Amino acid sequence: MEKLIEFLNVNRIPYANKNASEFTTFRIGGPCTAVYPGSERELINTVNECISLGIRYTVLGCGSNVLFSDSGYDGAVILTQSLNSVRVEGKTVYACCGAPLHTVCRAAYNAG
């Protein structure tokens, strides 16, 4: 995990030691390393770094219907809430991975 922390620091990608319970709707889960990419490029680079270092990771949007063990998650929890843009082009809705479902549904509804 030290190599990942070094990568995050060098690339100025925010991270923190948190409890996974803070990120799930059921409020269940123990300690983890939370990573907060601010762009799609940061997300891609973080996932690629985890893969190259052999570090377990999970990408988490709004945390609905997700459970983490109370003993913690040995890896990176990559949170995508800041990647939440939604746009409509004609009858097609484009949503980033951190977009809340109700926002995507509202955009689809408004687009007809």
PDB file of N, CA and C in Angstrom:
ATOM      1  N   MET A   1       0.823  -1.197   0.000  1.00  0.00           N
ATOM      2  CA  MET A   1       0.000   0.000   0.000  1.00  0.00           C
ATOM      3  C   MET A   1       0.871   1.267   0.000  1.00  0.00           C
ATOM      4  N   GLU A   2       2.079   1.152   0.530  1.00  0.00           N
ATOM      5  CA  GLU A   2       2.968   2.316   0.571  1.00  0.00           C
ATOM      6  C   GLU A   2       3.240   2.876  -0.817  1.00  0.00           C
ATOM      7  N   LYS A   3       3.434   1.986  -1.803  1.00  0.00           N
ATOM      8  CA  LYS A   3       3.701   2.434  -3.179  1.00  0.00           C
ATOM      9  C   LYS A   3       2.497   3.171  -3.761  1.00  0.00           C
ATOM     10  N   LEU A   4       1.290   2.710  -3.431  1.00  0.00           N
ATOM     11  CA  LEU A   4       0.093   3.399  -3.903  1.00  0.00           C
ATOM     12  C   LEU A   4      -0.003   4.777  -3.268  1.00  0.00           C
ATOM     13  N   ILE A   5       0.260   4.868  -1.971  1.00  0.00           N
ATOM     14  CA  ILE A   5       0.217   6.172  -1.279  1.00  0.00           C
ATOM     15  C   ILE A   5       1.224   7.120  -1.904  1.00  0.00           C
ATOM     16  N   GLU A   6       2.404   6.606  -2.222  1.00  0.00           N
ATOM     17  CA  GLU A   6       3.432   7.427  -2.880  1.00  0.00           C
ATOM     18  C   GLU A   6       2.922   7.937  -4.222  1.00  0.00           C
ATOM     19  N   PHE A   7       2.297   7.043  -5.019  1.00  0.00           N
ATOM     20  CA  PHE A   7       1.715   7.428  -6.306  1.00  0.00           C
ATOM     21  C   PHE A   7       0.657   8.519  -6.128  1.00  0.00           C
ATOM     22  N   LEU A   8      -0.225   8.338  -5.148  1.00  0.00           N
ATOM     23  CA  LEU A   8      -1.285   9.317  -4.908  1.00  0.00           C
ATOM     24  C   LEU A   8      -0.701  10.666  -4.518  1.00  0.00           C
ATOM     25  N   ASN A   9       0.309  10.656  -3.664  1.00  0.00           N
ATOM     26  CA  ASN A   9       0.947  11.906  -3.255  1.00  0.00           C
ATOM     27  C   ASN A   9       1.611  12.612  -4.432  1.00  0.00           C
ATOM     28  N   VAL A  10       2.364  11.873  -5.230  1.00  0.00           N
ATOM     29  CA  VAL A  10       3.063  12.455  -6.384  1.00  0.00           C
ATOM     30  C   VAL A  10       2.063  13.064  -7.362  1.00  0.00           C
ATOM     31  N   ASN A  11       0.930  12.389  -7.546  1.00  0.00           N
ATOM     32  CA  ASN A  11      -0.083  12.848  -8.509  1.00  0.00           C
ATOM     33  C   ASN A  11      -1.153  13.741  -7.881  1.00  0.00           C
ATOM     34  N   ARG A  12      -0.973  14.060  -6.611  1.00  0.00           N
ATOM     35  CA  ARG A  12      -1.899  14.952  -5.880  1.00  0.00           C
ATOM     36  C   ARG A  12      -3.353  14.478  -5.954  1.00  0.00           C
ATOM     37  N   ILE A  13      -3.526  13.176  -5.804  1.00  0.00           N
ATOM     38  CA  ILE A  13      -4.870  12.590  -5.756  1.00  0.00           C
ATOM     39  C   ILE A  13      -5.215  12.408  -4.284  1.00  0.00           C
ATOM     40  N   PRO A  14      -6.276  13.042  -3.813  1.00  0.00           N
ATOM     41  CA  PRO A  14      -6.620  12.972  -2.388  1.00  0.00           C
ATOM     42  C   PRO A  14      -6.966  11.552  -1.933  1.00  0.00           C
ATOM     43  N   TYR A  15      -6.589  11.237  -0.712  1.00  0.00           N
ATOM     44  CA  TYR A  15      -6.907   9.958  -0.088  1.00  0.00           C
ATOM     45  C   TYR A  15      -6.959  10.164   1.419  1.00  0.00           C
ATOM     46  N   ALA A  16      -7.551   9.210   2.120  1.00  0.00           N
ATOM     47  CA  ALA A  16      -7.630   9.279   3.585  1.00  0.00           C
ATOM     48  C   ALA A  16      -7.918   7.893   4.130  1.00  0.00           C
ATOM     49  N   ASN A  17      -7.506   7.664   5.359  1.00  0.00           N
ATOM     50  CA  ASN A  17      -7.890   6.450   6.067  1.00  0.00           C
ATOM     51  C   ASN A  17      -9.261   6.709   6.677  1.00  0.00           C
ATOM     52  N   LYS A  18     -10.233   5.930   6.281  1.00  0.00           N
ATOM     53  CA  LYS A  18     -11.625   6.117   6.708  1.00  0.00           C
ATOM     54  C   LYS A  18     -12.227   4.768   7.075  1.00  0.00           C
ATOM     55  N   ASN A  19     -13.455   4.799   7.528  1.00  0.00           N
ATOM     56  CA  ASN A  19     -14.250   3.590   7.682  1.00  0.00           C
ATOM     57  C   ASN A  19     -15.163   3.482   6.471  1.00  0.00           C
ATOM     58  N   ALA A  20     -15.213   2.297   5.878  1.00  0.00           N
ATOM     59  CA  ALA A  20     -16.052   2.087   4.700  1.00  0.00           C
ATOM     60  C   ALA A  20     -17.519   2.371   4.995  1.00  0.00           C
ATOM     61  N   SER A  21     -17.901   2.297   6.252  1.00  0.00           N
ATOM     62  CA  SER A  21     -19.293   2.573   6.617  1.00  0.00           C
ATOM     63  C   SER A  21     -19.719   3.991   6.229  1.00  0.00           C
ATOM     64  N   GLU A  22     -18.755   4.889   6.078  1.00  0.00           N
ATOM     65  CA  GLU A  22     -19.075   6.269   5.694  1.00  0.00           C
ATOM     66  C   GLU A  22     -19.547   6.376   4.250  1.00  0.00           C
ATOM     67  N   PHE A  23     -19.325   5.315   3.444  1.00  0.00           N
ATOM     68  CA  PHE A  23     -19.595   5.398   2.009  1.00  0.00           C
ATOM     69  C   PHE A  23     -20.731   4.510   1.545  1.00  0.00           C
ATOM     70  N   THR A  24     -21.403   3.814   2.465  1.00  0.00           N
ATOM     71  CA  THR A  24     -22.458   2.898   2.054  1.00  0.00           C
ATOM     72  C   THR A  24     -23.792   3.303   2.668  1.00  0.00           C
ATOM     73  N   THR A  25     -24.860   3.001   1.965  1.00  0.00           N
ATOM     74  CA  THR A  25     -26.178   3.380   2.467  1.00  0.00           C
ATOM     75  C   THR A  25     -26.556   2.586   3.710  1.00  0.00           C
ATOM     76  N   PHE A  26     -25.996   1.377   3.865  1.00  0.00           N
ATOM     77  CA  PHE A  26     -26.295   0.573   5.047  1.00  0.00           C
ATOM     78  C   PHE A  26     -25.406   0.928   6.236  1.00  0.00           C
ATOM     79  N   ARG A  27     -24.406   1.788   6.015  1.00  0.00           N
ATOM     80  CA  ARG A  27     -23.489   2.253   7.077  1.00  0.00           C
ATOM     81  C   ARG A  27     -22.773   1.092   7.768  1.00  0.00           C
ATOM     82  N   ILE A  28     -22.296   0.145   6.954  1.00  0.00           N
ATOM     83  CA  ILE A  28     -21.565  -1.011   7.460  1.00  0.00           C
ATOM     84  C   ILE A  28     -20.180  -1.024   6.819  1.00  0.00           C
ATOM     85  N   GLY A  29     -19.139  -1.285   7.605  1.00  0.00           N
ATOM     86  CA  GLY A  29     -17.794  -1.441   7.062  1.00  0.00           C
ATOM     87  C   GLY A  29     -16.739  -0.824   7.940  1.00  0.00           C
ATOM     88  N   GLY A  30     -15.585  -1.465   7.979  1.00  0.00           N
ATOM     89  CA  GLY A  30     -14.474  -1.027   8.808  1.00  0.00           C
ATOM     90  C   GLY A  30     -13.452  -0.219   8.042  1.00  0.00           C
ATOM     91  N   PRO A  31     -12.228  -0.162   8.585  1.00  0.00           N
ATOM     92  CA  PRO A  31     -11.166   0.696   8.039  1.00  0.00           C
ATOM     93  C   PRO A  31     -10.797   0.369   6.588  1.00  0.00           C
ATOM     94  N   CYS A  32     -10.473   1.428   5.841  1.00  0.00           N
ATOM     95  CA  CYS A  32     -10.030   1.276   4.458  1.00  0.00           C
ATOM     96  C   CYS A  32      -9.241   2.518   4.059  1.00  0.00           C
ATOM     97  N   THR A  33      -8.576   2.426   2.930  1.00  0.00           N
ATOM     98  CA  THR A  33      -7.942   3.591   2.326  1.00  0.00           C
ATOM     99  C   THR A  33      -8.890   4.111   1.263  1.00  0.00           C
ATOM    100  N   ALA A  34      -9.433   5.304   1.481  1.00  0.00           N
ATOM    101  CA  ALA A  34     -10.373   5.916   0.544  1.00  0.00           C
ATOM    102  C   ALA A  34      -9.601   6.840  -0.402  1.00  0.00           C
ATOM    103  N   VAL A  35      -9.856   6.694  -1.695  1.00  0.00           N
ATOM    104  CA  VAL A  35      -9.195   7.499  -2.717  1.00  0.00           C
ATOM    105  C   VAL A  35     -10.266   8.304  -3.445  1.00  0.00           C
ATOM    106  N   TYR A  36      -9.973   9.591  -3.677  1.00  0.00           N
ATOM    107  CA  TYR A  36     -10.956  10.512  -4.251  1.00  0.00           C
ATOM    108  C   TYR A  36     -10.464  11.102  -5.576  1.00  0.00           C
ATOM    109  N   PRO A  37     -10.530  10.356  -6.681  1.00  0.00           N
ATOM    110  CA  PRO A  37     -10.094  10.939  -7.957  1.00  0.00           C
ATOM    111  C   PRO A  37     -11.014  12.091  -8.344  1.00  0.00           C
ATOM    112  N   GLY A  38     -10.414  13.142  -8.897  1.00  0.00           N
ATOM    113  CA  GLY A  38     -11.190  14.317  -9.286  1.00  0.00           C
ATOM    114  C   GLY A  38     -11.503  14.382 -10.763  1.00  0.00           C
ATOM    115  N   SER A  39     -11.000  13.395 -11.520  1.00  0.00           N
ATOM    116  CA  SER A  39     -11.242  13.384 -12.962  1.00  0.00           C
ATOM    117  C   SER A  39     -11.226  11.934 -13.452  1.00  0.00           C
ATOM    118  N   GLU A  40     -11.727  11.749 -14.660  1.00  0.00           N
ATOM    119  CA  GLU A  40     -11.702  10.414 -15.250  1.00  0.00           C
ATOM    120  C   GLU A  40     -10.262   9.933 -15.404  1.00  0.00           C
ATOM    121  N   ARG A  41      -9.356  10.825 -15.781  1.00  0.00           N
ATOM    122  CA  ARG A  41      -7.945  10.464 -15.951  1.00  0.00           C
ATOM    123  C   ARG A  41      -7.359   9.988 -14.627  1.00  0.00           C
ATOM    124  N   GLU A  42      -7.642  10.688 -13.530  1.00  0.00           N
ATOM    125  CA  GLU A  42      -7.151  10.262 -12.213  1.00  0.00           C
ATOM    126  C   GLU A  42      -7.727   8.894 -11.825  1.00  0.00           C
ATOM    127  N   LEU A  43      -8.984   8.662 -12.147  1.00  0.00           N
ATOM    128  CA  LEU A  43      -9.606   7.367 -11.877  1.00  0.00           C
ATOM    129  C   LEU A  43      -8.887   6.255 -12.641  1.00  0.00           C
ATOM    130  N   ILE A  44      -8.690   6.465 -13.926  1.00  0.00           N
ATOM    131  CA  ILE A  44      -8.015   5.474 -14.767  1.00  0.00           C
ATOM    132  C   ILE A  44      -6.600   5.219 -14.266  1.00  0.00           C
ATOM    133  N   ASN A  45      -5.872   6.285 -13.973  1.00  0.00           N
ATOM    134  CA  ASN A  45      -4.492   6.131 -13.509  1.00  0.00           C
ATOM    135  C   ASN A  45      -4.418   5.405 -12.171  1.00  0.00           C
ATOM    136  N   THR A  46      -5.356   5.689 -11.272  1.00  0.00           N
ATOM    137  CA  THR A  46      -5.373   5.029  -9.971  1.00  0.00           C
ATOM    138  C   THR A  46      -5.671   3.545 -10.116  1.00  0.00           C
ATOM    139  N   VAL A  47      -6.652   3.194 -10.926  1.00  0.00           N
ATOM    140  CA  VAL A  47      -6.977   1.785 -11.158  1.00  0.00           C
ATOM    141  C   VAL A  47      -5.776   1.077 -11.787  1.00  0.00           C
ATOM    142  N   ASN A  48      -5.164   1.691 -12.794  1.00  0.00           N
ATOM    143  CA  ASN A  48      -3.996   1.080 -13.434  1.00  0.00           C
ATOM    144  C   ASN A  48      -2.850   0.893 -12.451  1.00  0.00           C
ATOM    145  N   GLU A  49      -2.650   1.845 -11.558  1.00  0.00           N
ATOM    146  CA  GLU A  49      -1.585   1.731 -10.558  1.00  0.00           C
ATOM    147  C   GLU A  49      -1.882   0.591  -9.579  1.00  0.00           C
ATOM    148  N   CYS A  50      -3.130   0.470  -9.154  1.00  0.00           N
ATOM    149  CA  CYS A  50      -3.510  -0.643  -8.274  1.00  0.00           C
ATOM    150  C   CYS A  50      -3.238  -1.976  -8.958  1.00  0.00           C
ATOM    151  N   ILE A  51      -3.605  -2.071 -10.231  1.00  0.00           N
ATOM    152  CA  ILE A  51      -3.384  -3.313 -10.974  1.00  0.00           C
ATOM    153  C   ILE A  51      -1.886  -3.605 -11.074  1.00  0.00           C
ATOM    154  N   SER A  52      -1.102  -2.597 -11.440  1.00  0.00           N
ATOM    155  CA  SER A  52       0.338  -2.843 -11.620  1.00  0.00           C
ATOM    156  C   SER A  52       1.027  -3.178 -10.300  1.00  0.00           C
ATOM    157  N   LEU A  53       0.511  -2.676  -9.181  1.00  0.00           N
ATOM    158  CA  LEU A  53       1.099  -2.969  -7.878  1.00  0.00           C
ATOM    159  C   LEU A  53       0.497  -4.223  -7.229  1.00  0.00           C
ATOM    160  N   GLY A  54      -0.538  -4.772  -7.841  1.00  0.00           N
ATOM    161  CA  GLY A  54      -1.200  -5.941  -7.274  1.00  0.00           C
ATOM    162  C   GLY A  54      -2.004  -5.622  -6.029  1.00  0.00           C
ATOM    163  N   ILE A  55      -2.515  -4.401  -5.964  1.00  0.00           N
ATOM    164  CA  ILE A  55      -3.305  -3.956  -4.810  1.00  0.00           C
ATOM    165  C   ILE A  55      -4.784  -4.158  -5.113  1.00  0.00           C
ATOM    166  N   ARG A  56      -5.472  -4.767  -4.189  1.00  0.00           N
ATOM    167  CA  ARG A  56      -6.921  -4.964  -4.288  1.00  0.00           C
ATOM    168  C   ARG A  56      -7.584  -3.579  -4.303  1.00  0.00           C
ATOM    169  N   TYR A  57      -8.627  -3.439  -5.111  1.00  0.00           N
ATOM    170  CA  TYR A  57      -9.350  -2.172  -5.164  1.00  0.00           C
ATOM    171  C   TYR A  57     -10.799  -2.438  -5.515  1.00  0.00           C
ATOM    172  N   THR A  58     -11.627  -1.471  -5.178  1.00  0.00           N
ATOM    173  CA  THR A  58     -13.010  -1.470  -5.630  1.00  0.00           C
ATOM    174  C   THR A  58     -13.379  -0.042  -5.977  1.00  0.00           C
ATOM    175  N   VAL A  59     -14.135   0.122  -7.045  1.00  0.00           N
ATOM    176  CA  VAL A  59     -14.607   1.438  -7.463  1.00  0.00           C
ATOM    177  C   VAL A  59     -16.037   1.561  -6.970  1.00  0.00           C
ATOM    178  N   LEU A  60     -16.304   2.637  -6.240  1.00  0.00           N
ATOM    179  CA  LEU A  60     -17.597   2.792  -5.578  1.00  0.00           C
ATOM    180  C   LEU A  60     -18.245   4.109  -5.966  1.00  0.00           C
ATOM    181  N   GLY A  61     -19.479   4.034  -6.431  1.00  0.00           N
ATOM    182  CA  GLY A  61     -20.243   5.235  -6.751  1.00  0.00           C
ATOM    183  C   GLY A  61     -20.890   5.781  -5.492  1.00  0.00           C
ATOM    184  N   CYS A  62     -22.174   5.616  -5.373  1.00  0.00           N
ATOM    185  CA  CYS A  62     -22.899   6.148  -4.217  1.00  0.00           C
ATOM    186  C   CYS A  62     -23.029   5.140  -3.080  1.00  0.00           C
ATOM    187  N   GLY A  63     -22.554   3.936  -3.259  1.00  0.00           N
ATOM    188  CA  GLY A  63     -22.521   2.952  -2.177  1.00  0.00           C
ATOM    189  C   GLY A  63     -23.845   2.291  -1.860  1.00  0.00           C
ATOM    190  N   SER A  64     -24.776   2.306  -2.807  1.00  0.00           N
ATOM    191  CA  SER A  64     -26.057   1.628  -2.593  1.00  0.00           C
ATOM    192  C   SER A  64     -25.877   0.123  -2.738  1.00  0.00           C
ATOM    193  N   ASN A  65     -26.524  -0.618  -1.857  1.00  0.00           N
ATOM    194  CA  ASN A  65     -26.520  -2.081  -1.931  1.00  0.00           C
ATOM    195  C   ASN A  65     -25.109  -2.679  -1.892  1.00  0.00           C
ATOM    196  N   VAL A  66     -24.231  -2.057  -1.116  1.00  0.00           N
ATOM    197  CA  VAL A  66     -22.859  -2.541  -0.971  1.00  0.00           C
ATOM    198  C   VAL A  66     -22.579  -2.743   0.512  1.00  0.00           C
ATOM    199  N   LEU A  67     -21.938  -3.869   0.829  1.00  0.00           N
ATOM    200  CA  LEU A  67     -21.540  -4.136   2.210  1.00  0.00           C
ATOM    201  C   LEU A  67     -20.039  -4.363   2.267  1.00  0.00           C
ATOM    202  N   PHE A  68     -19.385  -3.796   3.270  1.00  0.00           N
ATOM    203  CA  PHE A  68     -17.980  -4.055   3.565  1.00  0.00           C
ATOM    204  C   PHE A  68     -17.920  -4.742   4.924  1.00  0.00           C
ATOM    205  N   SER A  69     -16.908  -5.543   5.123  1.00  0.00           N
ATOM    206  CA  SER A  69     -16.720  -6.196   6.411  1.00  0.00           C
ATOM    207  C   SER A  69     -16.393  -5.157   7.481  1.00  0.00           C
ATOM    208  N   ASP A  70     -16.890  -5.369   8.686  1.00  0.00           N
ATOM    209  CA  ASP A  70     -16.543  -4.486   9.802  1.00  0.00           C
ATOM    210  C   ASP A  70     -15.071  -4.584  10.172  1.00  0.00           C
ATOM    211  N   SER A  71     -14.401  -5.669   9.738  1.00  0.00           N
ATOM    212  CA  SER A  71     -12.966  -5.793  10.019  1.00  0.00           C
ATOM    213  C   SER A  71     -12.130  -4.982   9.047  1.00  0.00           C
ATOM    214  N   GLY A  72     -12.760  -4.405   8.020  1.00  0.00           N
ATOM    215  CA  GLY A  72     -12.063  -3.513   7.100  1.00  0.00           C
ATOM    216  C   GLY A  72     -11.900  -4.080   5.712  1.00  0.00           C
ATOM    217  N   TYR A  73     -11.341  -3.267   4.845  1.00  0.00           N
ATOM    218  CA  TYR A  73     -11.087  -3.629   3.451  1.00  0.00           C
ATOM    219  C   TYR A  73      -9.607  -3.411   3.203  1.00  0.00           C
ATOM    220  N   ASP A  74      -8.881  -4.479   2.921  1.00  0.00           N
ATOM    221  CA  ASP A  74      -7.452  -4.407   2.685  1.00  0.00           C
ATOM    222  C   ASP A  74      -7.201  -4.074   1.221  1.00  0.00           C
ATOM    223  N   GLY A  75      -7.282  -2.803   0.916  1.00  0.00           N
ATOM    224  CA  GLY A  75      -7.108  -2.330  -0.449  1.00  0.00           C
ATOM    225  C   GLY A  75      -7.593  -0.906  -0.539  1.00  0.00           C
ATOM    226  N   ALA A  76      -7.761  -0.435  -1.760  1.00  0.00           N
ATOM    227  CA  ALA A  76      -8.206   0.935  -2.004  1.00  0.00           C
ATOM    228  C   ALA A  76      -9.685   0.951  -2.368  1.00  0.00           C
ATOM    229  N   VAL A  77     -10.433   1.816  -1.710  1.00  0.00           N
ATOM    230  CA  VAL A  77     -11.817   2.068  -2.092  1.00  0.00           C
ATOM    231  C   VAL A  77     -11.789   3.376  -2.876  1.00  0.00           C
ATOM    232  N   ILE A  78     -12.012   3.287  -4.172  1.00  0.00           N
ATOM    233  CA  ILE A  78     -11.918   4.444  -5.053  1.00  0.00           C
ATOM    234  C   ILE A  78     -13.319   5.023  -5.215  1.00  0.00           C
ATOM    235  N   LEU A  79     -13.505   6.223  -4.677  1.00  0.00           N
ATOM    236  CA  LEU A  79     -14.830   6.844  -4.619  1.00  0.00           C
ATOM    237  C   LEU A  79     -15.024   7.806  -5.788  1.00  0.00           C
ATOM    238  N   THR A  80     -16.139   7.667  -6.467  1.00  0.00           N
ATOM    239  CA  THR A  80     -16.356   8.427  -7.700  1.00  0.00           C
ATOM    240  C   THR A  80     -17.422   9.518  -7.589  1.00  0.00           C
ATOM    241  N   GLN A  81     -17.780   9.904  -6.381  1.00  0.00           N
ATOM    242  CA  GLN A  81     -18.855  10.896  -6.226  1.00  0.00           C
ATOM    243  C   GLN A  81     -18.589  12.208  -6.973  1.00  0.00           C
ATOM    244  N   SER A  82     -17.330  12.610  -7.104  1.00  0.00           N
ATOM    245  CA  SER A  82     -17.052  13.870  -7.791  1.00  0.00           C
ATOM    246  C   SER A  82     -17.137  13.726  -9.312  1.00  0.00           C
ATOM    247  N   LEU A  83     -17.210  12.500  -9.800  1.00  0.00           N
ATOM    248  CA  LEU A  83     -17.367  12.249 -11.240  1.00  0.00           C
ATOM    249  C   LEU A  83     -18.846  12.022 -11.510  1.00  0.00           C
ATOM    250  N   ASN A  84     -19.629  13.086 -11.405  1.00  0.00           N
ATOM    251  CA  ASN A  84     -21.081  12.941 -11.356  1.00  0.00           C
ATOM    252  C   ASN A  84     -21.845  13.698 -12.437  1.00  0.00           C
ATOM    253  N   SER A  85     -21.173  14.073 -13.505  1.00  0.00           N
ATOM    254  CA  SER A  85     -21.877  14.849 -14.526  1.00  0.00           C
ATOM    255  C   SER A  85     -22.861  13.978 -15.306  1.00  0.00           C
ATOM    256  N   VAL A  86     -23.942  14.632 -15.729  1.00  0.00           N
ATOM    257  CA  VAL A  86     -24.977  13.985 -16.539  1.00  0.00           C
ATOM    258  C   VAL A  86     -25.316  14.955 -17.653  1.00  0.00           C
ATOM    259  N   ARG A  87     -25.355  14.446 -18.882  1.00  0.00           N
ATOM    260  CA  ARG A  87     -25.753  15.302 -19.997  1.00  0.00           C
ATOM    261  C   ARG A  87     -26.671  14.523 -20.925  1.00  0.00           C
ATOM    262  N   VAL A  88     -27.487  15.256 -21.651  1.00  0.00           N
ATOM    263  CA  VAL A  88     -28.438  14.645 -22.576  1.00  0.00           C
ATOM    264  C   VAL A  88     -28.147  15.177 -23.972  1.00  0.00           C
ATOM    265  N   GLU A  89     -28.063  14.256 -24.909  1.00  0.00           N
ATOM    266  CA  GLU A  89     -27.928  14.618 -26.322  1.00  0.00           C
ATOM    267  C   GLU A  89     -29.042  13.902 -27.069  1.00  0.00           C
ATOM    268  N   GLY A  90     -30.046  14.675 -27.469  1.00  0.00           N
ATOM    269  CA  GLY A  90     -31.210  14.073 -28.119  1.00  0.00           C
ATOM    270  C   GLY A  90     -31.947  13.191 -27.126  1.00  0.00           C
ATOM    271  N   LYS A  91     -32.052  11.923 -27.428  1.00  0.00           N
ATOM    272  CA  LYS A  91     -32.723  10.962 -26.544  1.00  0.00           C
ATOM    273  C   LYS A  91     -31.728  10.067 -25.803  1.00  0.00           C
ATOM    274  N   THR A  92     -30.447  10.467 -25.788  1.00  0.00           N
ATOM    275  CA  THR A  92     -29.418   9.677 -25.117  1.00  0.00           C
ATOM    276  C   THR A  92     -28.918  10.422 -23.884  1.00  0.00           C
ATOM    277  N   VAL A  93     -28.863   9.711 -22.769  1.00  0.00           N
ATOM    278  CA  VAL A  93     -28.361  10.272 -21.514  1.00  0.00           C
ATOM    279  C   VAL A  93     -26.969   9.696 -21.270  1.00  0.00           C
ATOM    280  N   TYR A  94     -26.007  10.580 -21.040  1.00  0.00           N
ATOM    281  CA  TYR A  94     -24.642  10.180 -20.713  1.00  0.00           C
ATOM    282  C   TYR A  94     -24.395  10.537 -19.251  1.00  0.00           C
ATOM    283  N   ALA A  95     -24.012   9.542 -18.465  1.00  0.00           N
ATOM    284  CA  ALA A  95     -23.800   9.765 -17.036  1.00  0.00           C
ATOM    285  C   ALA A  95     -22.428   9.234 -16.632  1.00  0.00           C
ATOM    286  N   CYS A  96     -21.700  10.033 -15.884  1.00  0.00           N
ATOM    287  CA  CYS A  96     -20.425   9.572 -15.332  1.00  0.00           C
ATOM    288  C   CYS A  96     -20.700   8.566 -14.212  1.00  0.00           C
ATOM    289  N   CYS A  97     -19.683   7.829 -13.847  1.00  0.00           N
ATOM    290  CA  CYS A  97     -19.833   6.703 -12.921  1.00  0.00           C
ATOM    291  C   CYS A  97     -20.272   7.101 -11.514  1.00  0.00           C
ATOM    292  N   GLY A  98     -20.097   8.345 -11.121  1.00  0.00           N
ATOM    293  CA  GLY A  98     -20.493   8.760  -9.782  1.00  0.00           C
ATOM    294  C   GLY A  98     -21.826   9.500  -9.734  1.00  0.00           C
ATOM    295  N   ALA A  99     -22.529   9.537 -10.858  1.00  0.00           N
ATOM    296  CA  ALA A  99     -23.805  10.252 -10.904  1.00  0.00           C
ATOM    297  C   ALA A  99     -24.858   9.504 -10.085  1.00  0.00           C
ATOM    298  N   PRO A 100     -25.566  10.204  -9.205  1.00  0.00           N
ATOM    299  CA  PRO A 100     -26.636   9.555  -8.439  1.00  0.00           C
ATOM    300  C   PRO A 100     -27.745   9.075  -9.373  1.00  0.00           C
ATOM    301  N   LEU A 101     -28.295   7.907  -9.067  1.00  0.00           N
ATOM    302  CA  LEU A 101     -29.327   7.318  -9.912  1.00  0.00           C
ATOM    303  C   LEU A 101     -30.510   8.257 -10.103  1.00  0.00           C
ATOM    304  N   HIS A 102     -30.934   8.962  -9.048  1.00  0.00           N
ATOM    305  CA  HIS A 102     -32.088   9.850  -9.190  1.00  0.00           C
ATOM    306  C   HIS A 102     -31.792  10.994 -10.172  1.00  0.00           C
ATOM    307  N   THR A 103     -30.551  11.446 -10.261  1.00  0.00           N
ATOM    308  CA  THR A 103     -30.173  12.492 -11.207  1.00  0.00           C
ATOM    309  C   THR A 103     -30.226  11.963 -12.646  1.00  0.00           C
ATOM    310  N   VAL A 104     -29.755  10.754 -12.854  1.00  0.00           N
ATOM    311  CA  VAL A 104     -29.785  10.131 -14.171  1.00  0.00           C
ATOM    312  C   VAL A 104     -31.238   9.899 -14.604  1.00  0.00           C
ATOM    313  N   CYS A 105     -32.061   9.412 -13.684  1.00  0.00           N
ATOM    314  CA  CYS A 105     -33.470   9.177 -13.989  1.00  0.00           C
ATOM    315  C   CYS A 105     -34.201  10.475 -14.323  1.00  0.00           C
ATOM    316  N   ARG A 106     -33.894  11.524 -13.576  1.00  0.00           N
ATOM    317  CA  ARG A 106     -34.531  12.824 -13.845  1.00  0.00           C
ATOM    318  C   ARG A 106     -34.140  13.334 -15.223  1.00  0.00           C
ATOM    319  N   ALA A 107     -32.883  13.191 -15.599  1.00  0.00           N
ATOM    320  CA  ALA A 107     -32.418  13.617 -16.914  1.00  0.00           C
ATOM    321  C   ALA A 107     -33.118  12.823 -18.013  1.00  0.00           C
ATOM    322  N   ALA A 108     -33.264  11.509 -17.814  1.00  0.00           N
ATOM    323  CA  ALA A 108     -33.955  10.665 -18.800  1.00  0.00           C
ATOM    324  C   ALA A 108     -35.430  11.058 -18.908  1.00  0.00           C
ATOM    325  N   TYR A 109     -36.042  11.297 -17.764  1.00  0.00           N
ATOM    326  CA  TYR A 109     -37.447  11.706 -17.737  1.00  0.00           C
ATOM    327  C   TYR A 109     -37.618  13.039 -18.485  1.00  0.00           C
ATOM    328  N   ASN A 110     -36.768  14.001 -18.174  1.00  0.00           N
ATOM    329  CA  ASN A 110     -36.864  15.320 -18.812  1.00  0.00           C
ATOM    330  C   ASN A 110     -36.588  15.251 -20.303  1.00  0.00           C
ATOM    331  N   ALA A 111     -35.781  14.272 -20.732  1.00  0.00           N
ATOM    332  CA  ALA A 111     -35.478  14.109 -22.154  1.00  0.00           C
ATOM    333  C   ALA A 111     -36.598  13.383 -22.907  1.00  0.00           C
ATOM    334  N   GLY A 112     -37.550  12.858 -22.150  1.00  0.00           N
ATOM    335  CA  GLY A 112     -38.673  12.172 -22.758  1.00  0.00           C
ATOM    336  C   GLY A 112     -38.385  10.739 -23.090  1.00  0.00           C
TER     337      GLY A 112
END
